[in-house]
Amino acid sequence: QDSEATPRSSVAGSPVPEAISTPQAGGTGTPVPVDKT
């Protein structure tokens, strides 16, 4: 929604959350734990 005010030239510039939960690892869909430290 915030990006609507300023068009981007490529998708590579879009920010992403600092840490990602429940990633799909190895194509199996099993959650990978991430240290919350």
PDB file of all heavy atoms in Angstrom:
ATOM      1  N   GLN A   1       0.828  -1.203   0.000  1.00  0.00           N
ATOM      2  CA  GLN A   1       0.000   0.000   0.000  1.00  0.00           C
ATOM      3  C   GLN A   1       0.863   1.254   0.000  1.00  0.00           C
ATOM      4  O   GLN A   1       0.561   2.234  -0.673  1.00  0.00           O
ATOM      5  CB  GLN A   1      -0.917  -0.013   1.223  1.00  0.00           C
ATOM      6  CG  GLN A   1      -1.904  -1.189   1.217  1.00  0.00           C
ATOM      7  CD  GLN A   1      -2.635  -1.301   2.533  1.00  0.00           C
ATOM      8  OE1 GLN A   1      -2.485  -0.464   3.395  1.00  0.00           O
ATOM      9  NE2 GLN A   1      -3.425  -2.347   2.674  1.00  0.00           N
ATOM     10  N   ASP A   2       1.952   1.234   0.796  1.00  0.00           N
ATOM     11  CA  ASP A   2       2.813   2.405   0.825  1.00  0.00           C
ATOM     12  C   ASP A   2       3.500   2.631  -0.498  1.00  0.00           C
ATOM     13  O   ASP A   2       3.807   3.761  -0.876  1.00  0.00           O
ATOM     14  CB  ASP A   2       3.876   2.240   1.921  1.00  0.00           C
ATOM     15  CG  ASP A   2       3.227   2.190   3.303  1.00  0.00           C
ATOM     16  OD1 ASP A   2       2.079   2.674   3.416  1.00  0.00           O
ATOM     17  OD2 ASP A   2       3.850   1.658   4.239  1.00  0.00           O
ATOM     18  N   SER A   3       3.728   1.561  -1.243  1.00  0.00           N
ATOM     19  CA  SER A   3       4.442   1.701  -2.510  1.00  0.00           C
ATOM     20  C   SER A   3       3.597   2.347  -3.586  1.00  0.00           C
ATOM     21  O   SER A   3       4.103   2.707  -4.639  1.00  0.00           O
ATOM     22  CB  SER A   3       4.908   0.327  -3.000  1.00  0.00           C
ATOM     23  OG  SER A   3       3.794  -0.462  -3.353  1.00  0.00           O
ATOM     24  N   GLU A   4       2.273   2.491  -3.333  1.00  0.00           N
ATOM     25  CA  GLU A   4       1.429   3.087  -4.367  1.00  0.00           C
ATOM     26  C   GLU A   4       1.790   4.542  -4.613  1.00  0.00           C
ATOM     27  O   GLU A   4       1.603   5.065  -5.702  1.00  0.00           O
ATOM     28  CB  GLU A   4      -0.041   2.976  -3.953  1.00  0.00           C
ATOM     29  CG  GLU A   4      -0.509   1.535  -3.831  1.00  0.00           C
ATOM     30  CD  GLU A   4      -1.885   1.455  -3.218  1.00  0.00           C
ATOM     31  OE1 GLU A   4      -2.509   2.517  -3.059  1.00  0.00           O
ATOM     32  OE2 GLU A   4      -2.340   0.347  -2.905  1.00  0.00           O
ATOM     33  N   ALA A   5       2.307   5.217  -3.577  1.00  0.00           N
ATOM     34  CA  ALA A   5       2.628   6.632  -3.753  1.00  0.00           C
ATOM     35  C   ALA A   5       3.883   6.827  -4.585  1.00  0.00           C
ATOM     36  O   ALA A   5       4.029   7.815  -5.291  1.00  0.00           O
ATOM     37  CB  ALA A   5       2.803   7.290  -2.383  1.00  0.00           C
ATOM     38  N   THR A   6       4.826   5.890  -4.489  1.00  0.00           N
ATOM     39  CA  THR A   6       6.082   6.008  -5.222  1.00  0.00           C
ATOM     40  C   THR A   6       6.297   4.760  -6.050  1.00  0.00           C
ATOM     41  O   THR A   6       6.579   3.704  -5.506  1.00  0.00           O
ATOM     42  CB  THR A   6       7.268   6.191  -4.247  1.00  0.00           C
ATOM     43  OG1 THR A   6       6.988   7.306  -3.406  1.00  0.00           O
ATOM     44  CG2 THR A   6       8.556   6.413  -5.016  1.00  0.00           C
ATOM     45  N   PRO A   7       6.143   4.805  -7.349  1.00  0.00           N
ATOM     46  CA  PRO A   7       6.325   3.604  -8.173  1.00  0.00           C
ATOM     47  C   PRO A   7       7.757   3.118  -8.087  1.00  0.00           C
ATOM     48  O   PRO A   7       8.705   3.901  -8.024  1.00  0.00           O
ATOM     49  CB  PRO A   7       5.967   4.082  -9.589  1.00  0.00           C
ATOM     50  CG  PRO A   7       5.208   5.342  -9.386  1.00  0.00           C
ATOM     51  CD  PRO A   7       5.725   5.959  -8.140  1.00  0.00           C
ATOM     52  N   ARG A   8       7.906   1.793  -8.108  1.00  0.00           N
ATOM     53  CA  ARG A   8       9.229   1.186  -8.070  1.00  0.00           C
ATOM     54  C   ARG A   8       9.620   0.687  -9.453  1.00  0.00           C
ATOM     55  O   ARG A   8       8.779   0.258 -10.221  1.00  0.00           O
ATOM     56  CB  ARG A   8       9.246   0.014  -7.085  1.00  0.00           C
ATOM     57  CG  ARG A   8       9.073   0.448  -5.640  1.00  0.00           C
ATOM     58  CD  ARG A   8       8.868  -0.755  -4.767  1.00  0.00           C
ATOM     59  NE  ARG A   8       7.577  -1.382  -5.090  1.00  0.00           N
ATOM     60  CZ  ARG A   8       7.179  -2.501  -4.530  1.00  0.00           C
ATOM     61  NH1 ARG A   8       7.922  -3.108  -3.658  1.00  0.00           N
ATOM     62  NH2 ARG A   8       6.015  -3.032  -4.880  1.00  0.00           N
ATOM     63  N   SER A   9      10.892   0.702  -9.702  1.00  0.00           N
ATOM     64  CA  SER A   9      11.366   0.270 -11.008  1.00  0.00           C
ATOM     65  C   SER A   9      11.527  -1.227 -11.079  1.00  0.00           C
ATOM     66  O   SER A   9      11.505  -1.804 -12.146  1.00  0.00           O
ATOM     67  CB  SER A   9      12.716   0.936 -11.328  1.00  0.00           C
ATOM     68  OG  SER A   9      13.675   0.618 -10.330  1.00  0.00           O
ATOM     69  N   SER A  10      11.711  -1.888  -9.943  1.00  0.00           N
ATOM     70  CA  SER A  10      11.869  -3.340  -9.955  1.00  0.00           C
ATOM     71  C   SER A  10      11.418  -3.883  -8.625  1.00  0.00           C
ATOM     72  O   SER A  10      11.357  -3.187  -7.615  1.00  0.00           O
ATOM     73  CB  SER A  10      13.335  -3.744 -10.225  1.00  0.00           C
ATOM     74  OG  SER A  10      14.137  -3.360  -9.130  1.00  0.00           O
ATOM     75  N   VAL A  11      11.135  -5.170  -8.623  1.00  0.00           N
ATOM     76  CA  VAL A  11      10.687  -5.814  -7.399  1.00  0.00           C
ATOM     77  C   VAL A  11      11.818  -6.016  -6.422  1.00  0.00           C
ATOM     78  O   VAL A  11      11.612  -6.258  -5.243  1.00  0.00           O
ATOM     79  CB  VAL A  11      10.021  -7.164  -7.747  1.00  0.00           C
ATOM     80  CG1 VAL A  11      11.078  -8.159  -8.197  1.00  0.00           C
ATOM     81  CG2 VAL A  11       9.260  -7.714  -6.558  1.00  0.00           C
ATOM     82  N   ALA A  12      13.047  -5.932  -6.875  1.00  0.00           N
ATOM     83  CA  ALA A  12      14.176  -6.170  -5.990  1.00  0.00           C
ATOM     84  C   ALA A  12      14.280  -5.130  -4.896  1.00  0.00           C
ATOM     85  O   ALA A  12      14.903  -5.354  -3.875  1.00  0.00           O
ATOM     86  CB  ALA A  12      15.478  -6.202  -6.796  1.00  0.00           C
ATOM     87  N   GLY A  13      13.693  -3.968  -5.079  1.00  0.00           N
ATOM     88  CA  GLY A  13      13.822  -2.923  -4.093  1.00  0.00           C
ATOM     89  C   GLY A  13      12.798  -2.984  -2.990  1.00  0.00           C
ATOM     90  O   GLY A  13      12.797  -2.132  -2.116  1.00  0.00           O
ATOM     91  N   SER A  14      11.896  -3.964  -3.006  1.00  0.00           N
ATOM     92  CA  SER A  14      10.851  -4.014  -1.992  1.00  0.00           C
ATOM     93  C   SER A  14      11.402  -4.576  -0.697  1.00  0.00           C
ATOM     94  O   SER A  14      12.046  -5.609  -0.682  1.00  0.00           O
ATOM     95  CB  SER A  14       9.701  -4.888  -2.487  1.00  0.00           C
ATOM     96  OG  SER A  14      10.181  -6.165  -2.786  1.00  0.00           O
ATOM     97  N   PRO A  15      11.165  -3.919   0.440  1.00  0.00           N
ATOM     98  CA  PRO A  15      11.660  -4.434   1.714  1.00  0.00           C
ATOM     99  C   PRO A  15      10.865  -5.629   2.176  1.00  0.00           C
ATOM    100  O   PRO A  15       9.740  -5.850   1.769  1.00  0.00           O
ATOM    101  CB  PRO A  15      11.478  -3.249   2.661  1.00  0.00           C
ATOM    102  CG  PRO A  15      10.358  -2.481   2.065  1.00  0.00           C
ATOM    103  CD  PRO A  15      10.479  -2.656   0.582  1.00  0.00           C
ATOM    104  N   VAL A  16      11.453  -6.386   3.069  1.00  0.00           N
ATOM    105  CA  VAL A  16      10.871  -7.633   3.545  1.00  0.00           C
ATOM    106  C   VAL A  16      10.995  -7.667   5.058  1.00  0.00           C
ATOM    107  O   VAL A  16      11.853  -6.984   5.612  1.00  0.00           O
ATOM    108  CB  VAL A  16      11.611  -8.834   2.909  1.00  0.00           C
ATOM    109  CG1 VAL A  16      10.985 -10.149   3.293  1.00  0.00           C
ATOM    110  CG2 VAL A  16      11.601  -8.683   1.398  1.00  0.00           C
ATOM    111  N   PRO A  17      10.154  -8.393   5.780  1.00  0.00           N
ATOM    112  CA  PRO A  17      10.283  -8.455   7.232  1.00  0.00           C
ATOM    113  C   PRO A  17      11.675  -8.865   7.667  1.00  0.00           C
ATOM    114  O   PRO A  17      12.380  -9.589   6.970  1.00  0.00           O
ATOM    115  CB  PRO A  17       9.240  -9.504   7.632  1.00  0.00           C
ATOM    116  CG  PRO A  17       8.236  -9.464   6.549  1.00  0.00           C
ATOM    117  CD  PRO A  17       8.989  -9.115   5.305  1.00  0.00           C
ATOM    118  N   GLU A  18      12.051  -8.405   8.868  1.00  0.00           N
ATOM    119  CA  GLU A  18      13.405  -8.656   9.350  1.00  0.00           C
ATOM    120  C   GLU A  18      13.682 -10.138   9.523  1.00  0.00           C
ATOM    121  O   GLU A  18      14.725 -10.634   9.190  1.00  0.00           O
ATOM    122  CB  GLU A  18      13.593  -7.941  10.694  1.00  0.00           C
ATOM    123  CG  GLU A  18      13.347  -6.451  10.610  1.00  0.00           C
ATOM    124  CD  GLU A  18      13.218  -5.849  11.986  1.00  0.00           C
ATOM    125  OE1 GLU A  18      12.468  -6.426  12.796  1.00  0.00           O
ATOM    126  OE2 GLU A  18      13.869  -4.856  12.253  1.00  0.00           O
ATOM    127  N   ALA A  19      12.742 -10.846  10.069  1.00  0.00           N
ATOM    128  CA  ALA A  19      12.904 -12.283  10.260  1.00  0.00           C
ATOM    129  C   ALA A  19      11.638 -12.972   9.798  1.00  0.00           C
ATOM    130  O   ALA A  19      10.545 -12.480   9.992  1.00  0.00           O
ATOM    131  CB  ALA A  19      13.178 -12.600  11.735  1.00  0.00           C
ATOM    132  N   ILE A  20      11.778 -14.091   9.210  1.00  0.00           N
ATOM    133  CA  ILE A  20      10.647 -14.782   8.583  1.00  0.00           C
ATOM    134  C   ILE A  20      10.353 -16.044   9.368  1.00  0.00           C
ATOM    135  O   ILE A  20      11.247 -16.816   9.677  1.00  0.00           O
ATOM    136  CB  ILE A  20      10.974 -15.118   7.122  1.00  0.00           C
ATOM    137  CG1 ILE A  20      11.446 -13.879   6.390  1.00  0.00           C
ATOM    138  CG2 ILE A  20       9.797 -15.733   6.420  1.00  0.00           C
ATOM    139  CD1 ILE A  20      10.423 -12.786   6.340  1.00  0.00           C
ATOM    140  N   SER A  21       9.109 -16.244   9.681  1.00  0.00           N
ATOM    141  CA  SER A  21       8.714 -17.449  10.409  1.00  0.00           C
ATOM    142  C   SER A  21       8.119 -18.462   9.461  1.00  0.00           C
ATOM    143  O   SER A  21       7.600 -18.129   8.416  1.00  0.00           O
ATOM    144  CB  SER A  21       7.692 -17.096  11.494  1.00  0.00           C
ATOM    145  OG  SER A  21       6.509 -16.624  10.897  1.00  0.00           O
ATOM    146  N   THR A  22       8.183 -19.704   9.866  1.00  0.00           N
ATOM    147  CA  THR A  22       7.633 -20.829   9.117  1.00  0.00           C
ATOM    148  C   THR A  22       8.080 -20.843   7.674  1.00  0.00           C
ATOM    149  O   THR A  22       7.298 -20.771   6.761  1.00  0.00           O
ATOM    150  CB  THR A  22       6.099 -20.834   9.174  1.00  0.00           C
ATOM    151  OG1 THR A  22       5.696 -20.442  10.479  1.00  0.00           O
ATOM    152  CG2 THR A  22       5.555 -22.214   8.892  1.00  0.00           C
ATOM    153  N   PRO A  23       9.386 -20.888   7.401  1.00  0.00           N
ATOM    154  CA  PRO A  23       9.823 -20.999   6.011  1.00  0.00           C
ATOM    155  C   PRO A  23       9.648 -22.411   5.517  1.00  0.00           C
ATOM    156  O   PRO A  23       9.594 -23.361   6.298  1.00  0.00           O
ATOM    157  CB  PRO A  23      11.304 -20.599   6.085  1.00  0.00           C
ATOM    158  CG  PRO A  23      11.717 -20.981   7.474  1.00  0.00           C
ATOM    159  CD  PRO A  23      10.513 -20.819   8.355  1.00  0.00           C
ATOM    160  N   GLN A  24       9.573 -22.542   4.199  1.00  0.00           N
ATOM    161  CA  GLN A  24       9.464 -23.862   3.578  1.00  0.00           C
ATOM    162  C   GLN A  24      10.874 -24.286   3.178  1.00  0.00           C
ATOM    163  O   GLN A  24      11.452 -23.753   2.252  1.00  0.00           O
ATOM    164  CB  GLN A  24       8.542 -23.815   2.363  1.00  0.00           C
ATOM    165  CG  GLN A  24       7.227 -23.116   2.629  1.00  0.00           C
ATOM    166  CD  GLN A  24       6.382 -23.843   3.648  1.00  0.00           C
ATOM    167  OE1 GLN A  24       6.511 -25.043   3.776  1.00  0.00           O
ATOM    168  NE2 GLN A  24       5.535 -23.154   4.354  1.00  0.00           N
ATOM    169  N   ALA A  25      11.408 -25.236   3.887  1.00  0.00           N
ATOM    170  CA  ALA A  25      12.792 -25.621   3.657  1.00  0.00           C
ATOM    171  C   ALA A  25      12.847 -26.888   2.837  1.00  0.00           C
ATOM    172  O   ALA A  25      12.161 -27.852   3.106  1.00  0.00           O
ATOM    173  CB  ALA A  25      13.512 -25.835   4.990  1.00  0.00           C
ATOM    174  N   GLY A  26      13.735 -26.889   1.848  1.00  0.00           N
ATOM    175  CA  GLY A  26      13.965 -28.078   1.063  1.00  0.00           C
ATOM    176  C   GLY A  26      12.789 -28.557   0.276  1.00  0.00           C
ATOM    177  O   GLY A  26      12.745 -29.679  -0.183  1.00  0.00           O
ATOM    178  N   GLY A  27      11.781 -27.710   0.110  1.00  0.00           N
ATOM    179  CA  GLY A  27      10.623 -28.097  -0.684  1.00  0.00           C
ATOM    180  C   GLY A  27       9.676 -29.037   0.020  1.00  0.00           C
ATOM    181  O   GLY A  27       8.766 -29.571  -0.568  1.00  0.00           O
ATOM    182  N   THR A  28       9.853 -29.273   1.330  1.00  0.00           N
ATOM    183  CA  THR A  28       8.980 -30.189   2.045  1.00  0.00           C
ATOM    184  C   THR A  28       7.904 -29.481   2.825  1.00  0.00           C
ATOM    185  O   THR A  28       6.954 -30.093   3.265  1.00  0.00           O
ATOM    186  CB  THR A  28       9.803 -31.053   3.003  1.00  0.00           C
ATOM    187  OG1 THR A  28      10.469 -30.184   3.934  1.00  0.00           O
ATOM    188  CG2 THR A  28      10.836 -31.853   2.250  1.00  0.00           C
ATOM    189  N   GLY A  29       8.051 -28.188   3.038  1.00  0.00           N
ATOM    190  CA  GLY A  29       7.043 -27.442   3.762  1.00  0.00           C
ATOM    191  C   GLY A  29       7.166 -27.546   5.266  1.00  0.00           C
ATOM    192  O   GLY A  29       6.323 -27.069   6.004  1.00  0.00           O
ATOM    193  N   THR A  30       8.224 -28.191   5.805  1.00  0.00           N
ATOM    194  CA  THR A  30       8.380 -28.313   7.242  1.00  0.00           C
ATOM    195  C   THR A  30       8.939 -27.031   7.807  1.00  0.00           C
ATOM    196  O   THR A  30       9.852 -26.429   7.247  1.00  0.00           O
ATOM    197  CB  THR A  30       9.341 -29.470   7.558  1.00  0.00           C
ATOM    198  OG1 THR A  30      10.564 -29.239   6.873  1.00  0.00           O
ATOM    199  CG2 THR A  30       8.758 -30.784   7.111  1.00  0.00           C
ATOM    200  N   PRO A  31       8.406 -26.562   8.945  1.00  0.00           N
ATOM    201  CA  PRO A  31       8.904 -25.310   9.513  1.00  0.00           C
ATOM    202  C   PRO A  31      10.333 -25.448   9.991  1.00  0.00           C
ATOM    203  O   PRO A  31      10.747 -26.491  10.503  1.00  0.00           O
ATOM    204  CB  PRO A  31       7.947 -25.044  10.668  1.00  0.00           C
ATOM    205  CG  PRO A  31       6.747 -25.903  10.405  1.00  0.00           C
ATOM    206  CD  PRO A  31       7.255 -27.085   9.657  1.00  0.00           C
ATOM    207  N   VAL A  32      11.094 -24.381   9.823  1.00  0.00           N
ATOM    208  CA  VAL A  32      12.470 -24.322  10.290  1.00  0.00           C
ATOM    209  C   VAL A  32      12.522 -23.356  11.452  1.00  0.00           C
ATOM    210  O   VAL A  32      12.136 -22.196  11.315  1.00  0.00           O
ATOM    211  CB  VAL A  32      13.421 -23.854   9.173  1.00  0.00           C
ATOM    212  CG1 VAL A  32      14.822 -23.719   9.709  1.00  0.00           C
ATOM    213  CG2 VAL A  32      13.379 -24.845   8.034  1.00  0.00           C
ATOM    214  N   PRO A  33      12.964 -23.776  12.631  1.00  0.00           N
ATOM    215  CA  PRO A  33      12.977 -22.859  13.772  1.00  0.00           C
ATOM    216  C   PRO A  33      14.019 -21.768  13.586  1.00  0.00           C
ATOM    217  O   PRO A  33      15.095 -21.984  13.057  1.00  0.00           O
ATOM    218  CB  PRO A  33      13.327 -23.777  14.945  1.00  0.00           C
ATOM    219  CG  PRO A  33      14.043 -24.922  14.326  1.00  0.00           C
ATOM    220  CD  PRO A  33      13.457 -25.108  12.968  1.00  0.00           C
ATOM    221  N   VAL A  34      13.676 -20.585  14.034  1.00  0.00           N
ATOM    222  CA  VAL A  34      14.577 -19.438  13.975  1.00  0.00           C
ATOM    223  C   VAL A  34      14.735 -18.918  15.387  1.00  0.00           C
ATOM    224  O   VAL A  34      13.755 -18.730  16.110  1.00  0.00           O
ATOM    225  CB  VAL A  34      14.018 -18.333  13.053  1.00  0.00           C
ATOM    226  CG1 VAL A  34      14.959 -17.155  13.000  1.00  0.00           C
ATOM    227  CG2 VAL A  34      13.792 -18.889  11.666  1.00  0.00           C
ATOM    228  N   ASP A  35      15.977 -18.691  15.814  1.00  0.00           N
ATOM    229  CA  ASP A  35      16.236 -18.188  17.151  1.00  0.00           C
ATOM    230  C   ASP A  35      15.668 -16.796  17.331  1.00  0.00           C
ATOM    231  O   ASP A  35      15.928 -15.897  16.534  1.00  0.00           O
ATOM    232  CB  ASP A  35      17.751 -18.143  17.405  1.00  0.00           C
ATOM    233  CG  ASP A  35      18.207 -19.347  18.197  1.00  0.00           C
ATOM    234  OD1 ASP A  35      17.325 -20.041  18.725  1.00  0.00           O
ATOM    235  OD2 ASP A  35      19.422 -19.578  18.288  1.00  0.00           O
ATOM    236  N   LYS A  36      14.892 -16.618  18.376  1.00  0.00           N
ATOM    237  CA  LYS A  36      14.326 -15.310  18.678  1.00  0.00           C
ATOM    238  C   LYS A  36      15.224 -14.605  19.698  1.00  0.00           C
ATOM    239  O   LYS A  36      14.836 -14.297  20.810  1.00  0.00           O
ATOM    240  CB  LYS A  36      12.905 -15.452  19.231  1.00  0.00           C
ATOM    241  CG  LYS A  36      11.957 -16.175  18.295  1.00  0.00           C
ATOM    242  CD  LYS A  36      10.600 -16.314  18.925  1.00  0.00           C
ATOM    243  CE  LYS A  36       9.653 -17.039  18.012  1.00  0.00           C
ATOM    244  NZ  LYS A  36       8.332 -17.212  18.603  1.00  0.00           N
ATOM    245  N   THR A  37      16.459 -14.396  19.328  1.00  0.00           N
ATOM    246  CA  THR A  37      17.418 -13.768  20.226  1.00  0.00           C
ATOM    247  C   THR A  37      17.984 -12.542  19.584  1.00  0.00           C
ATOM    248  O   THR A  37      17.951 -12.371  18.377  1.00  0.00           O
ATOM    249  CB  THR A  37      18.552 -14.753  20.555  1.00  0.00           C
ATOM    250  OG1 THR A  37      19.123 -15.209  19.328  1.00  0.00           O
ATOM    251  CG2 THR A  37      18.017 -15.965  21.325  1.00  0.00           C
TER     252      THR A  37
END
